[in-house]
Amino acid sequence: MSDDIDADAFRPEVIDDLPVVTCTRCDAEWDLEFELEELYAGNQAVEQFALDHMRHTGHYPDDVTPWIATCRQCPAGEAFLGERPARRWARTHARHTRHEVEVEHGSGVRDTVDVPDGT
């Protein structure tokens, strides 16, 4: 048995079902071959595309709703594609600034991260 791995088996041109992202605001759709082949984004290809799309157009593609963490006292805030990093940012900001942070998602989830006690 050989230890050689066929590297071409993992190249995007071999994949026959590339993920596709659509944006009705741009009236366009994209396959993610670039993110997979050039950026090596792997499992984060859709997330990488969505973040890049937001940076370049000012909006997210279809079916992408960010989690938004917003400080209630200062202009700080960030958008994330996952709940976990949004809550981590909110907890860290609250801990360092002693400001409450609101975390919300387009699905209706809304929560406040309070200033931790005793820190």
C-alpha atoms as a PDB file:
ATOM      1  CA  MET A   1       0.000   0.000   0.000  1.00  0.00           C
ATOM      2  CA  SER A   2       1.323   3.425  -0.972  1.00  0.00           C
ATOM      3  CA  ASP A   3       1.436   6.474   1.281  1.00  0.00           C
ATOM      4  CA  ASP A   4       1.001   8.752  -1.723  1.00  0.00           C
ATOM      5  CA  ILE A   5      -2.126  10.888  -1.623  1.00  0.00           C
ATOM      6  CA  ASP A   6      -3.765  12.012  -4.816  1.00  0.00           C
ATOM      7  CA  ALA A   7      -3.764  15.787  -4.201  1.00  0.00           C
ATOM      8  CA  ASP A   8      -5.924  16.370  -7.280  1.00  0.00           C
ATOM      9  CA  ALA A   9      -8.772  14.521  -5.571  1.00  0.00           C
ATOM     10  CA  PHE A  10      -9.088  17.498  -3.203  1.00  0.00           C
ATOM     11  CA  ARG A  11      -8.928  20.270  -5.802  1.00  0.00           C
ATOM     12  CA  PRO A  12     -12.152  22.245  -6.409  1.00  0.00           C
ATOM     13  CA  GLU A  13     -12.271  21.425 -10.131  1.00  0.00           C
ATOM     14  CA  VAL A  14     -12.805  17.818  -9.089  1.00  0.00           C
ATOM     15  CA  ILE A  15     -15.766  18.811  -6.902  1.00  0.00           C
ATOM     16  CA  ASP A  16     -18.897  18.631  -8.990  1.00  0.00           C
ATOM     17  CA  ASP A  17     -21.207  20.361  -6.512  1.00  0.00           C
ATOM     18  CA  LEU A  18     -19.503  23.625  -5.550  1.00  0.00           C
ATOM     19  CA  PRO A  19     -21.475  25.717  -3.069  1.00  0.00           C
ATOM     20  CA  VAL A  20     -23.410  28.559  -4.687  1.00  0.00           C
ATOM     21  CA  VAL A  21     -24.249  31.866  -3.021  1.00  0.00           C
ATOM     22  CA  THR A  22     -26.959  34.174  -4.357  1.00  0.00           C
ATOM     23  CA  CYS A  23     -27.739  37.834  -3.772  1.00  0.00           C
ATOM     24  CA  THR A  24     -31.055  39.170  -4.999  1.00  0.00           C
ATOM     25  CA  ARG A  25     -29.945  42.753  -4.315  1.00  0.00           C
ATOM     26  CA  CYS A  26     -27.052  42.282  -6.746  1.00  0.00           C
ATOM     27  CA  ASP A  27     -29.166  40.015  -8.983  1.00  0.00           C
ATOM     28  CA  ALA A  28     -26.265  37.565  -9.157  1.00  0.00           C
ATOM     29  CA  GLU A  29     -24.997  34.215  -7.972  1.00  0.00           C
ATOM     30  CA  TRP A  30     -21.501  32.903  -7.482  1.00  0.00           C
ATOM     31  CA  ASP A  31     -19.976  29.476  -7.077  1.00  0.00           C
ATOM     32  CA  LEU A  32     -17.274  29.380  -4.443  1.00  0.00           C
ATOM     33  CA  GLU A  33     -14.490  27.927  -6.552  1.00  0.00           C
ATOM     34  CA  PHE A  34     -12.309  31.012  -5.911  1.00  0.00           C
ATOM     35  CA  GLU A  35     -12.734  30.749  -2.132  1.00  0.00           C
ATOM     36  CA  LEU A  36     -11.910  27.056  -2.239  1.00  0.00           C
ATOM     37  CA  GLU A  37      -9.106  27.051  -4.818  1.00  0.00           C
ATOM     38  CA  GLU A  38      -7.391  30.407  -4.328  1.00  0.00           C
ATOM     39  CA  LEU A  39      -8.168  31.318  -0.717  1.00  0.00           C
ATOM     40  CA  TYR A  40      -8.159  27.764   0.645  1.00  0.00           C
ATOM     41  CA  ALA A  41     -11.152  28.702   2.814  1.00  0.00           C
ATOM     42  CA  GLY A  42     -12.361  25.105   3.112  1.00  0.00           C
ATOM     43  CA  ASN A  43     -15.329  24.741   5.459  1.00  0.00           C
ATOM     44  CA  GLN A  44     -15.427  28.510   5.922  1.00  0.00           C
ATOM     45  CA  ALA A  45     -15.865  29.269   2.192  1.00  0.00           C
ATOM     46  CA  VAL A  46     -19.457  30.500   2.541  1.00  0.00           C
ATOM     47  CA  GLU A  47     -18.582  32.582   5.594  1.00  0.00           C
ATOM     48  CA  GLN A  48     -15.528  34.054   3.849  1.00  0.00           C
ATOM     49  CA  PHE A  49     -17.594  34.951   0.785  1.00  0.00           C
ATOM     50  CA  ALA A  50     -20.360  36.523   2.902  1.00  0.00           C
ATOM     51  CA  LEU A  51     -17.887  38.660   4.861  1.00  0.00           C
ATOM     52  CA  ASP A  52     -16.108  39.773   1.682  1.00  0.00           C
ATOM     53  CA  HIS A  53     -19.457  40.513   0.018  1.00  0.00           C
ATOM     54  CA  MET A  54     -20.462  42.719   2.961  1.00  0.00           C
ATOM     55  CA  ARG A  55     -17.152  44.592   2.879  1.00  0.00           C
ATOM     56  CA  HIS A  56     -17.485  45.282  -0.843  1.00  0.00           C
ATOM     57  CA  THR A  57     -21.216  45.942  -1.181  1.00  0.00           C
ATOM     58  CA  GLY A  58     -22.458  46.999   2.247  1.00  0.00           C
ATOM     59  CA  HIS A  59     -24.901  44.083   2.524  1.00  0.00           C
ATOM     60  CA  TYR A  60     -24.844  40.339   3.064  1.00  0.00           C
ATOM     61  CA  PRO A  61     -25.868  37.812   0.404  1.00  0.00           C
ATOM     62  CA  ASP A  62     -29.199  35.973   0.623  1.00  0.00           C
ATOM     63  CA  ASP A  63     -29.751  33.646   3.575  1.00  0.00           C
ATOM     64  CA  VAL A  64     -26.973  35.254   5.649  1.00  0.00           C
ATOM     65  CA  THR A  65     -28.063  37.075   8.790  1.00  0.00           C
ATOM     66  CA  PRO A  66     -25.315  38.330  11.070  1.00  0.00           C
ATOM     67  CA  TRP A  67     -25.254  38.378  14.843  1.00  0.00           C
ATOM     68  CA  ILE A  68     -24.737  41.976  15.921  1.00  0.00           C
ATOM     69  CA  ALA A  69     -23.150  42.976  19.215  1.00  0.00           C
ATOM     70  CA  THR A  70     -23.671  46.642  20.078  1.00  0.00           C
ATOM     71  CA  CYS A  71     -22.445  48.500  23.133  1.00  0.00           C
ATOM     72  CA  ARG A  72     -25.160  50.465  24.916  1.00  0.00           C
ATOM     73  CA  GLN A  73     -22.726  53.193  26.045  1.00  0.00           C
ATOM     74  CA  CYS A  74     -20.098  53.734  23.378  1.00  0.00           C
ATOM     75  CA  PRO A  75     -20.021  53.445  19.587  1.00  0.00           C
ATOM     76  CA  ALA A  76     -18.328  50.029  19.682  1.00  0.00           C
ATOM     77  CA  GLY A  77     -20.006  47.132  17.947  1.00  0.00           C
ATOM     78  CA  GLU A  78     -19.282  44.233  15.644  1.00  0.00           C
ATOM     79  CA  ALA A  79     -21.140  41.875  13.321  1.00  0.00           C
ATOM     80  CA  PHE A  80     -20.410  38.150  13.242  1.00  0.00           C
ATOM     81  CA  LEU A  81     -21.801  35.261  11.240  1.00  0.00           C
ATOM     82  CA  GLY A  82     -21.897  33.012  14.289  1.00  0.00           C
ATOM     83  CA  GLU A  83     -23.508  33.432  17.682  1.00  0.00           C
ATOM     84  CA  ARG A  84     -20.502  32.208  19.639  1.00  0.00           C
ATOM     85  CA  PRO A  85     -18.013  34.853  18.422  1.00  0.00           C
ATOM     86  CA  ALA A  86     -20.634  37.603  18.861  1.00  0.00           C
ATOM     87  CA  ARG A  87     -21.207  36.601  22.476  1.00  0.00           C
ATOM     88  CA  ARG A  88     -17.463  36.265  23.095  1.00  0.00           C
ATOM     89  CA  TRP A  89     -16.927  39.814  21.793  1.00  0.00           C
ATOM     90  CA  ALA A  90     -19.820  41.088  23.936  1.00  0.00           C
ATOM     91  CA  ARG A  91     -18.483  39.431  27.111  1.00  0.00           C
ATOM     92  CA  THR A  92     -14.973  40.739  26.457  1.00  0.00           C
ATOM     93  CA  HIS A  93     -16.184  44.275  25.758  1.00  0.00           C
ATOM     94  CA  ALA A  94     -18.394  44.257  28.863  1.00  0.00           C
ATOM     95  CA  ARG A  95     -15.534  42.984  30.990  1.00  0.00           C
ATOM     96  CA  HIS A  96     -12.983  45.532  29.763  1.00  0.00           C
ATOM     97  CA  THR A  97     -15.209  48.613  29.529  1.00  0.00           C
ATOM     98  CA  ARG A  98     -17.864  47.787  32.144  1.00  0.00           C
ATOM     99  CA  HIS A  99     -20.515  48.592  29.503  1.00  0.00           C
ATOM    100  CA  GLU A 100     -23.619  46.508  28.782  1.00  0.00           C
ATOM    101  CA  VAL A 101     -23.717  45.025  25.290  1.00  0.00           C
ATOM    102  CA  GLU A 102     -26.769  43.971  23.309  1.00  0.00           C
ATOM    103  CA  VAL A 103     -26.496  40.884  21.120  1.00  0.00           C
ATOM    104  CA  GLU A 104     -29.149  40.380  18.467  1.00  0.00           C
ATOM    105  CA  HIS A 105     -29.912  38.275  15.418  1.00  0.00           C
ATOM    106  CA  GLY A 106     -32.386  38.809  12.607  1.00  0.00           C
ATOM    107  CA  SER A 107     -34.311  35.727  13.734  1.00  0.00           C
ATOM    108  CA  GLY A 108     -35.600  37.734  16.713  1.00  0.00           C
ATOM    109  CA  VAL A 109     -33.035  36.612  19.281  1.00  0.00           C
ATOM    110  CA  ARG A 110     -32.055  39.556  21.474  1.00  0.00           C
ATOM    111  CA  ASP A 111     -30.068  39.415  24.696  1.00  0.00           C
ATOM    112  CA  THR A 112     -28.071  41.730  26.923  1.00  0.00           C
ATOM    113  CA  VAL A 113     -24.616  40.866  28.182  1.00  0.00           C
ATOM    114  CA  ASP A 114     -24.269  42.569  31.564  1.00  0.00           C
ATOM    115  CA  VAL A 115     -21.151  43.866  33.219  1.00  0.00           C
ATOM    116  CA  PRO A 116     -19.625  40.996  35.207  1.00  0.00           C
ATOM    117  CA  ASP A 117     -19.605  41.311  38.980  1.00  0.00           C
ATOM    118  CA  GLY A 118     -16.374  41.644  40.895  1.00  0.00           C
ATOM    119  CA  THR A 119     -14.005  42.253  38.019  1.00  0.00           C
END
